[in-house]
Amino acid sequence: MPLALLCIGGSLEMTPLRGHYSSIAGTAILKILAFRVIGWLICLSLGLSPADTRVVLVFCACPTAVVAYTMATQMNGNEPLAAGAIAVSTVLSFVNLGIVLAIT
């Protein structure tokens, strides 16, 4: 895990993110906002208790996993997009987790 975080930091510094801004913002917003709403709707449809709903929403509000960068590297994917999405979703998740904990 720490090695993957170092790789992401190095990738962000060495790789220009020009042209990826809209994709990075879109994936981060989708992960942070849409995933939380979908998780909440599923909890409502299943009739979960408030404690269970809170656990699900906390997991939904967490940032994109660092392993996404490792997978993008291993599968010859778009490494700058993965690194940018992880960085942006990590920053947004601070606010997102606060909102989830305040609401539930």
Protein backbone atom coordinates (compact mmCIF):
# COMPACT_ATOMS: atom_id res chain seq x y z
CA MET A 1 0.00 0.00 0.00
CA PRO A 2 2.65 2.62 0.87
CA LEU A 3 4.61 1.72 -2.27
CA ALA A 4 1.49 2.20 -4.39
CA LEU A 5 0.96 5.65 -2.84
CA LEU A 6 4.54 6.58 -3.71
CA CYS A 7 3.99 5.43 -7.29
CA ILE A 8 0.86 7.54 -7.56
CA GLY A 9 2.68 10.60 -6.26
CA GLY A 10 5.50 10.05 -8.72
CA SER A 11 3.07 9.57 -11.55
CA LEU A 12 1.27 12.81 -10.79
CA GLU A 13 4.49 14.76 -10.78
CA MET A 14 5.99 13.23 -13.92
CA THR A 15 2.88 12.90 -16.06
CA PRO A 16 1.06 16.00 -17.28
CA LEU A 17 -2.65 15.75 -16.63
CA ARG A 18 -3.60 18.06 -19.48
CA GLY A 19 -6.56 16.72 -21.38
CA HIS A 20 -7.58 14.49 -18.47
CA TYR A 21 -9.21 17.14 -16.27
CA SER A 22 -12.79 16.41 -17.30
CA SER A 23 -12.30 12.65 -17.07
CA ILE A 24 -10.67 12.90 -13.65
CA ALA A 25 -13.36 15.23 -12.33
CA GLY A 26 -16.10 13.03 -13.78
CA THR A 27 -14.79 9.82 -12.28
CA ALA A 28 -14.15 11.43 -8.89
CA ILE A 29 -17.60 13.02 -8.73
CA LEU A 30 -19.21 9.80 -9.88
CA LYS A 31 -17.38 7.84 -7.19
CA ILE A 32 -17.98 10.35 -4.42
CA LEU A 33 -21.55 11.47 -5.10
CA ALA A 34 -23.30 8.91 -7.26
CA PHE A 35 -21.94 5.89 -5.42
CA ARG A 36 -23.12 7.31 -2.09
CA VAL A 37 -26.64 7.96 -3.45
CA ILE A 38 -26.84 4.50 -5.01
CA GLY A 39 -25.68 2.93 -1.74
CA TRP A 40 -28.31 4.86 0.20
CA LEU A 41 -31.07 3.80 -2.21
CA ILE A 42 -30.03 0.16 -1.93
CA CYS A 43 -30.05 0.43 1.87
CA LEU A 44 -33.56 1.88 1.74
CA SER A 45 -34.80 -0.83 -0.60
CA LEU A 46 -33.35 -3.56 1.62
CA GLY A 47 -34.76 -2.00 4.79
CA LEU A 48 -31.41 -1.92 6.61
CA SER A 49 -31.17 -0.50 10.10
CA PRO A 50 -29.69 2.98 10.58
CA ALA A 51 -26.45 1.50 11.94
CA ASP A 52 -26.07 -0.79 8.93
CA THR A 53 -26.92 2.06 6.57
CA ARG A 54 -24.24 4.20 8.18
CA VAL A 55 -21.61 1.50 7.67
CA VAL A 56 -22.57 1.09 4.02
CA LEU A 57 -22.52 4.85 3.41
CA VAL A 58 -19.13 5.27 5.09
CA PHE A 59 -17.70 2.64 2.74
CA CYS A 60 -19.40 4.32 -0.23
CA ALA A 61 -17.91 7.69 0.78
CA CYS A 62 -14.34 6.39 0.87
CA PRO A 63 -11.94 7.42 -1.91
CA THR A 64 -10.99 5.33 -4.90
CA ALA A 65 -8.76 2.44 -3.86
CA VAL A 66 -5.03 2.77 -4.47
CA VAL A 67 -5.04 -0.62 -6.13
CA ALA A 68 -6.77 1.03 -9.12
CA TYR A 69 -3.44 2.60 -10.06
CA THR A 70 -1.62 -0.71 -9.72
CA MET A 71 -4.24 -2.42 -11.86
CA ALA A 72 -4.04 0.33 -14.50
CA THR A 73 -0.26 -0.10 -14.60
CA GLN A 74 -0.38 -3.88 -14.85
CA MET A 75 -3.09 -3.86 -17.50
CA ASN A 76 -1.44 -1.11 -19.60
CA GLY A 77 -4.32 1.22 -18.83
CA ASN A 78 -4.51 4.97 -18.43
CA GLU A 79 -2.17 5.52 -15.47
CA PRO A 80 -2.54 9.33 -15.33
CA LEU A 81 -6.31 9.01 -15.21
CA ALA A 82 -6.13 6.44 -12.42
CA ALA A 83 -3.63 8.51 -10.41
CA GLY A 84 -5.64 11.70 -10.86
CA ALA A 85 -8.92 10.02 -9.94
CA ILE A 86 -7.38 8.61 -6.76
CA ALA A 87 -5.90 11.97 -5.78
CA VAL A 88 -9.07 13.97 -6.45
CA SER A 89 -11.40 11.44 -4.83
CA THR A 90 -9.15 11.35 -1.76
CA VAL A 91 -9.40 15.12 -1.37
CA LEU A 92 -13.17 15.09 -1.95
CA SER A 93 -13.70 12.18 0.43
CA PHE A 94 -12.74 14.33 3.43
CA VAL A 95 -15.81 16.47 2.87
CA ASN A 96 -17.89 13.49 1.77
CA LEU A 97 -17.15 11.45 4.90
CA GLY A 98 -18.02 14.43 7.07
CA ILE A 99 -21.36 14.81 5.33
CA VAL A 100 -22.15 11.10 5.64
CA LEU A 101 -21.30 11.05 9.34
CA ALA A 102 -23.34 14.21 9.98
CA ILE A 103 -26.41 12.96 8.13
CA THR A 104 -26.56 9.39 9.43
